[in-house]
N, C-alpha and C. Protein backbone atom coordinates (compact mmCIF):
# COMPACT_ATOMS: atom_id res chain seq x y z
N MET A 1 76.04 84.63 72.10
CA MET A 1 77.45 85.00 72.04
C MET A 1 78.06 84.56 70.71
N GLN A 2 77.69 83.39 70.23
CA GLN A 2 78.26 82.89 68.99
C GLN A 2 77.87 83.79 67.81
N LYS A 3 76.63 84.31 67.82
CA LYS A 3 76.19 85.22 66.75
C LYS A 3 77.04 86.49 66.73
N GLU A 4 77.35 87.03 67.92
CA GLU A 4 78.15 88.25 68.01
C GLU A 4 79.56 88.02 67.47
N VAL A 5 80.14 86.85 67.77
CA VAL A 5 81.49 86.54 67.31
C VAL A 5 81.49 86.41 65.78
N ILE A 6 80.50 85.72 65.25
CA ILE A 6 80.41 85.57 63.79
C ILE A 6 80.23 86.94 63.13
N PHE A 7 79.33 87.77 63.70
CA PHE A 7 79.11 89.11 63.17
C PHE A 7 80.40 89.93 63.21
N LEU A 8 81.13 89.84 64.31
CA LEU A 8 82.38 90.57 64.46
C LEU A 8 83.41 90.11 63.43
N LEU A 9 83.50 88.81 63.20
CA LEU A 9 84.43 88.28 62.20
C LEU A 9 84.07 88.75 60.80
N ILE A 10 82.79 88.76 60.49
CA ILE A 10 82.34 89.24 59.18
C ILE A 10 82.65 90.73 59.04
N THR A 11 82.38 91.49 60.10
CA THR A 11 82.65 92.92 60.08
C THR A 11 84.14 93.19 59.90
N LEU A 12 84.99 92.44 60.59
CA LEU A 12 86.44 92.61 60.44
C LEU A 12 86.90 92.25 59.04
N GLN A 13 86.33 91.21 58.44
CA GLN A 13 86.67 90.84 57.08
C GLN A 13 86.26 91.93 56.10
N GLN A 14 85.07 92.53 56.32
CA GLN A 14 84.61 93.61 55.46
C GLN A 14 85.51 94.84 55.60
N LEU A 15 85.92 95.12 56.84
CA LEU A 15 86.81 96.24 57.09
C LEU A 15 88.15 96.02 56.40
N LYS A 16 88.69 94.81 56.51
CA LYS A 16 89.96 94.49 55.86
C LYS A 16 89.84 94.66 54.36
N SER A 17 88.75 94.19 53.79
CA SER A 17 88.52 94.31 52.35
C SER A 17 88.42 95.78 51.94
N ALA A 18 87.72 96.56 52.74
CA ALA A 18 87.57 97.99 52.44
C ALA A 18 88.92 98.70 52.52
N LEU A 19 89.72 98.38 53.53
CA LEU A 19 91.04 98.99 53.68
C LEU A 19 91.95 98.62 52.52
N GLN A 20 91.87 97.38 52.06
CA GLN A 20 92.67 96.97 50.91
C GLN A 20 92.25 97.74 49.66
N ALA A 21 90.96 97.99 49.51
CA ALA A 21 90.47 98.75 48.36
C ALA A 21 90.95 100.20 48.43
N VAL A 22 90.92 100.80 49.62
CA VAL A 22 91.42 102.17 49.79
C VAL A 22 92.91 102.24 49.49
N LYS A 23 93.67 101.29 50.01
CA LYS A 23 95.11 101.26 49.77
C LYS A 23 95.40 101.13 48.28
N SER A 24 94.68 100.28 47.59
CA SER A 24 94.86 100.09 46.16
C SER A 24 94.56 101.37 45.40
N TYR A 25 93.48 102.06 45.80
CA TYR A 25 93.11 103.31 45.14
C TYR A 25 94.19 104.37 45.37
N ILE A 26 94.61 104.54 46.62
CA ILE A 26 95.62 105.55 46.93
C ILE A 26 96.91 105.28 46.18
N THR A 27 97.32 104.02 46.13
CA THR A 27 98.54 103.64 45.42
C THR A 27 98.44 103.98 43.95
N SER A 28 97.25 103.91 43.38
CA SER A 28 97.09 104.17 41.95
C SER A 28 97.03 105.66 41.62
N VAL A 29 96.65 106.52 42.57
CA VAL A 29 96.48 107.95 42.25
C VAL A 29 97.53 108.87 42.86
N VAL A 30 98.22 108.47 43.90
CA VAL A 30 99.21 109.34 44.53
C VAL A 30 100.56 109.15 43.83
N PRO A 31 101.13 110.25 43.30
CA PRO A 31 102.42 110.14 42.61
C PRO A 31 103.52 109.68 43.55
N THR A 32 104.44 108.91 43.02
CA THR A 32 105.57 108.43 43.81
C THR A 32 106.88 109.01 43.33
N LYS A 33 106.88 109.70 42.18
CA LYS A 33 108.09 110.31 41.63
C LYS A 33 107.80 111.78 41.31
N THR A 34 108.80 112.62 41.43
CA THR A 34 108.64 114.03 41.09
C THR A 34 108.20 114.19 39.65
N SER A 35 108.70 113.34 38.77
CA SER A 35 108.34 113.44 37.35
C SER A 35 106.86 113.13 37.11
N ASP A 36 106.18 112.53 38.08
CA ASP A 36 104.75 112.26 37.95
C ASP A 36 103.91 113.52 38.20
N LEU A 37 104.51 114.54 38.78
CA LEU A 37 103.77 115.76 39.14
C LEU A 37 103.66 116.70 37.96
N THR A 38 102.62 117.54 37.97
CA THR A 38 102.47 118.58 36.96
C THR A 38 102.55 119.93 37.63
N ASN A 39 103.02 120.91 36.89
CA ASN A 39 103.18 122.26 37.41
C ASN A 39 101.96 123.09 36.99
N ASP A 40 100.78 122.71 37.45
CA ASP A 40 99.56 123.39 37.04
C ASP A 40 99.40 124.77 37.68
N SER A 41 100.19 125.10 38.69
CA SER A 41 100.14 126.43 39.30
C SER A 41 101.08 127.41 38.62
N GLY A 42 101.94 126.91 37.75
CA GLY A 42 102.83 127.79 37.00
C GLY A 42 104.01 128.32 37.79
N TYR A 43 104.50 127.54 38.76
CA TYR A 43 105.67 127.96 39.51
C TYR A 43 106.88 128.06 38.59
N ILE A 44 107.77 129.02 38.87
CA ILE A 44 108.98 129.18 38.08
C ILE A 44 109.91 128.01 38.37
N THR A 45 110.32 127.32 37.35
CA THR A 45 111.20 126.17 37.52
C THR A 45 112.59 126.42 36.96
N SER A 46 112.73 127.46 36.16
CA SER A 46 114.04 127.86 35.65
C SER A 46 113.91 129.29 35.13
N ALA A 47 115.05 129.94 34.93
CA ALA A 47 115.05 131.31 34.42
C ALA A 47 116.20 131.47 33.45
N PRO A 48 115.96 132.16 32.34
CA PRO A 48 117.02 132.37 31.36
C PRO A 48 117.98 133.48 31.79
N VAL A 49 118.86 133.19 32.73
CA VAL A 49 119.81 134.18 33.23
C VAL A 49 121.06 134.14 32.36
N THR A 50 121.40 135.30 31.78
CA THR A 50 122.61 135.36 30.97
C THR A 50 123.71 136.16 31.65
N SER A 51 123.33 137.03 32.61
CA SER A 51 124.34 137.77 33.35
C SER A 51 123.77 138.23 34.69
N VAL A 52 124.67 138.39 35.66
CA VAL A 52 124.32 138.90 36.97
C VAL A 52 125.41 139.86 37.39
N ASN A 53 125.02 141.08 37.75
CA ASN A 53 125.98 142.11 38.16
C ASN A 53 127.13 142.26 37.16
N GLY A 54 126.81 142.18 35.89
CA GLY A 54 127.83 142.37 34.86
C GLY A 54 128.63 141.13 34.53
N ARG A 55 128.42 140.04 35.26
CA ARG A 55 129.15 138.80 34.97
C ARG A 55 128.32 137.97 34.00
N THR A 56 128.99 137.37 33.04
CA THR A 56 128.30 136.55 32.07
C THR A 56 128.80 135.11 32.15
N GLY A 57 128.13 134.24 31.43
CA GLY A 57 128.53 132.83 31.46
C GLY A 57 127.81 132.11 32.57
N ALA A 58 128.40 131.05 33.06
CA ALA A 58 127.80 130.28 34.14
C ALA A 58 127.79 131.11 35.41
N VAL A 59 126.63 131.43 35.90
CA VAL A 59 126.50 132.26 37.11
C VAL A 59 126.59 131.33 38.31
N THR A 60 127.64 131.48 39.11
CA THR A 60 127.84 130.61 40.27
C THR A 60 127.60 131.33 41.58
N GLY A 61 127.57 132.64 41.59
CA GLY A 61 127.35 133.37 42.82
C GLY A 61 127.44 134.86 42.57
N LEU A 62 126.96 135.63 43.51
CA LEU A 62 126.97 137.07 43.34
C LEU A 62 128.24 137.72 43.88
N ILE A 63 128.96 137.02 44.76
CA ILE A 63 130.18 137.55 45.33
C ILE A 63 131.27 136.50 45.22
N ASP A 64 132.50 136.95 45.31
CA ASP A 64 133.61 136.00 45.31
C ASP A 64 133.62 135.24 46.62
N ALA A 65 134.20 134.07 46.59
CA ALA A 65 134.32 133.28 47.81
C ALA A 65 135.17 134.05 48.83
N PRO A 66 134.78 134.02 50.10
CA PRO A 66 135.55 134.75 51.10
C PRO A 66 136.92 134.11 51.33
N PRO A 67 137.88 134.91 51.77
CA PRO A 67 139.20 134.36 52.07
C PRO A 67 139.14 133.51 53.34
N SER A 68 140.15 132.71 53.55
CA SER A 68 140.24 131.93 54.78
C SER A 68 140.87 132.81 55.85
N PRO A 69 140.19 133.01 56.97
CA PRO A 69 140.76 133.85 58.02
C PRO A 69 141.88 133.12 58.77
N ALA A 70 142.75 133.90 59.36
CA ALA A 70 143.82 133.33 60.18
C ALA A 70 143.22 132.75 61.45
N THR A 71 143.97 131.92 62.10
CA THR A 71 143.51 131.34 63.36
C THR A 71 143.17 132.45 64.34
N GLY A 72 142.01 132.35 64.95
CA GLY A 72 141.58 133.35 65.92
C GLY A 72 140.86 134.53 65.30
N ALA A 73 140.72 134.55 63.98
CA ALA A 73 140.04 135.65 63.31
C ALA A 73 138.69 135.16 62.77
N PHE A 74 137.85 136.10 62.43
CA PHE A 74 136.57 135.79 61.82
C PHE A 74 136.35 136.77 60.68
N LEU A 75 135.44 136.46 59.79
CA LEU A 75 135.20 137.29 58.61
C LEU A 75 134.02 138.22 58.84
N VAL A 76 134.15 139.45 58.33
CA VAL A 76 133.09 140.45 58.41
C VAL A 76 132.90 141.03 57.01
N TRP A 77 131.64 141.16 56.59
CA TRP A 77 131.33 141.77 55.30
C TRP A 77 131.27 143.27 55.52
N ASP A 78 132.12 144.01 54.83
CA ASP A 78 132.17 145.46 55.03
C ASP A 78 131.32 146.23 54.01
N GLY A 79 130.51 145.52 53.28
CA GLY A 79 129.66 146.16 52.28
C GLY A 79 130.14 145.93 50.87
N SER A 80 131.41 145.59 50.72
CA SER A 80 131.93 145.32 49.38
C SER A 80 132.88 144.13 49.34
N ALA A 81 133.40 143.73 50.49
CA ALA A 81 134.33 142.61 50.52
C ALA A 81 134.37 142.00 51.92
N TRP A 82 134.83 140.75 52.00
CA TRP A 82 135.03 140.09 53.29
C TRP A 82 136.38 140.50 53.84
N THR A 83 136.40 140.89 55.11
CA THR A 83 137.66 141.25 55.75
C THR A 83 137.82 140.44 57.03
N ALA A 84 139.06 140.10 57.35
CA ALA A 84 139.35 139.34 58.57
C ALA A 84 139.42 140.29 59.75
N GLN A 85 138.78 139.93 60.84
CA GLN A 85 138.79 140.72 62.06
C GLN A 85 139.18 139.81 63.22
N THR A 86 139.71 140.40 64.28
CA THR A 86 140.01 139.65 65.49
C THR A 86 139.33 140.31 66.67
N LEU A 87 139.05 139.53 67.68
CA LEU A 87 138.46 140.08 68.89
C LEU A 87 139.56 140.67 69.76
N ALA A 88 139.26 141.78 70.42
CA ALA A 88 140.21 142.34 71.37
C ALA A 88 140.33 141.38 72.54
N ALA A 89 141.45 141.39 73.19
CA ALA A 89 141.66 140.48 74.32
C ALA A 89 140.59 140.75 75.38
N VAL A 90 140.01 139.71 75.90
CA VAL A 90 138.96 139.82 76.91
C VAL A 90 139.55 139.37 78.23
N THR A 91 139.39 140.20 79.25
CA THR A 91 139.89 139.82 80.57
C THR A 91 138.70 139.50 81.47
N GLU A 92 138.94 138.60 82.39
CA GLU A 92 137.87 138.24 83.31
C GLU A 92 137.72 139.31 84.37
N THR A 93 136.48 139.66 84.65
CA THR A 93 136.19 140.60 85.72
C THR A 93 135.09 140.02 86.58
N GLU A 94 135.00 140.50 87.78
CA GLU A 94 133.93 140.08 88.68
C GLU A 94 132.63 140.73 88.22
N PRO A 95 131.54 140.02 88.32
CA PRO A 95 130.27 140.63 87.93
C PRO A 95 129.90 141.75 88.87
N GLU A 96 129.23 142.75 88.32
CA GLU A 96 128.80 143.88 89.14
C GLU A 96 127.60 143.48 89.99
N GLU A 97 127.48 144.10 91.14
CA GLU A 97 126.33 143.86 91.99
C GLU A 97 125.12 144.53 91.37
N PRO A 98 123.95 143.91 91.46
CA PRO A 98 122.74 144.56 90.90
C PRO A 98 122.43 145.85 91.62
N VAL A 99 121.92 146.79 90.87
CA VAL A 99 121.56 148.10 91.44
C VAL A 99 120.11 148.01 91.89
N GLU A 100 119.88 148.37 93.16
CA GLU A 100 118.53 148.37 93.69
C GLU A 100 117.90 149.72 93.44
N GLU A 101 116.62 149.69 93.07
CA GLU A 101 115.93 150.97 92.80
C GLU A 101 115.12 151.40 93.96
């Protein structure tokens, strides 16, 4: 029994040492900051945009900011601009009975 305990302790010490070596290796090769990374795949990181839809200068969006709707209204894009819409009054009705076939 004593031999098994000693063997187990030695094995655990070796395992601990091996894990510390793996941790040290991973810490040395895995980047921790975005600036440590390289763009070896050639992903687009910026584009020289000078105008969008005829607008020049700092491009902040393709459409103007929508207006603030009145209370109880919501905004709908009609294809060229945001417009405020309201829901028609909804009245409560009893549910219909299911139709049997």
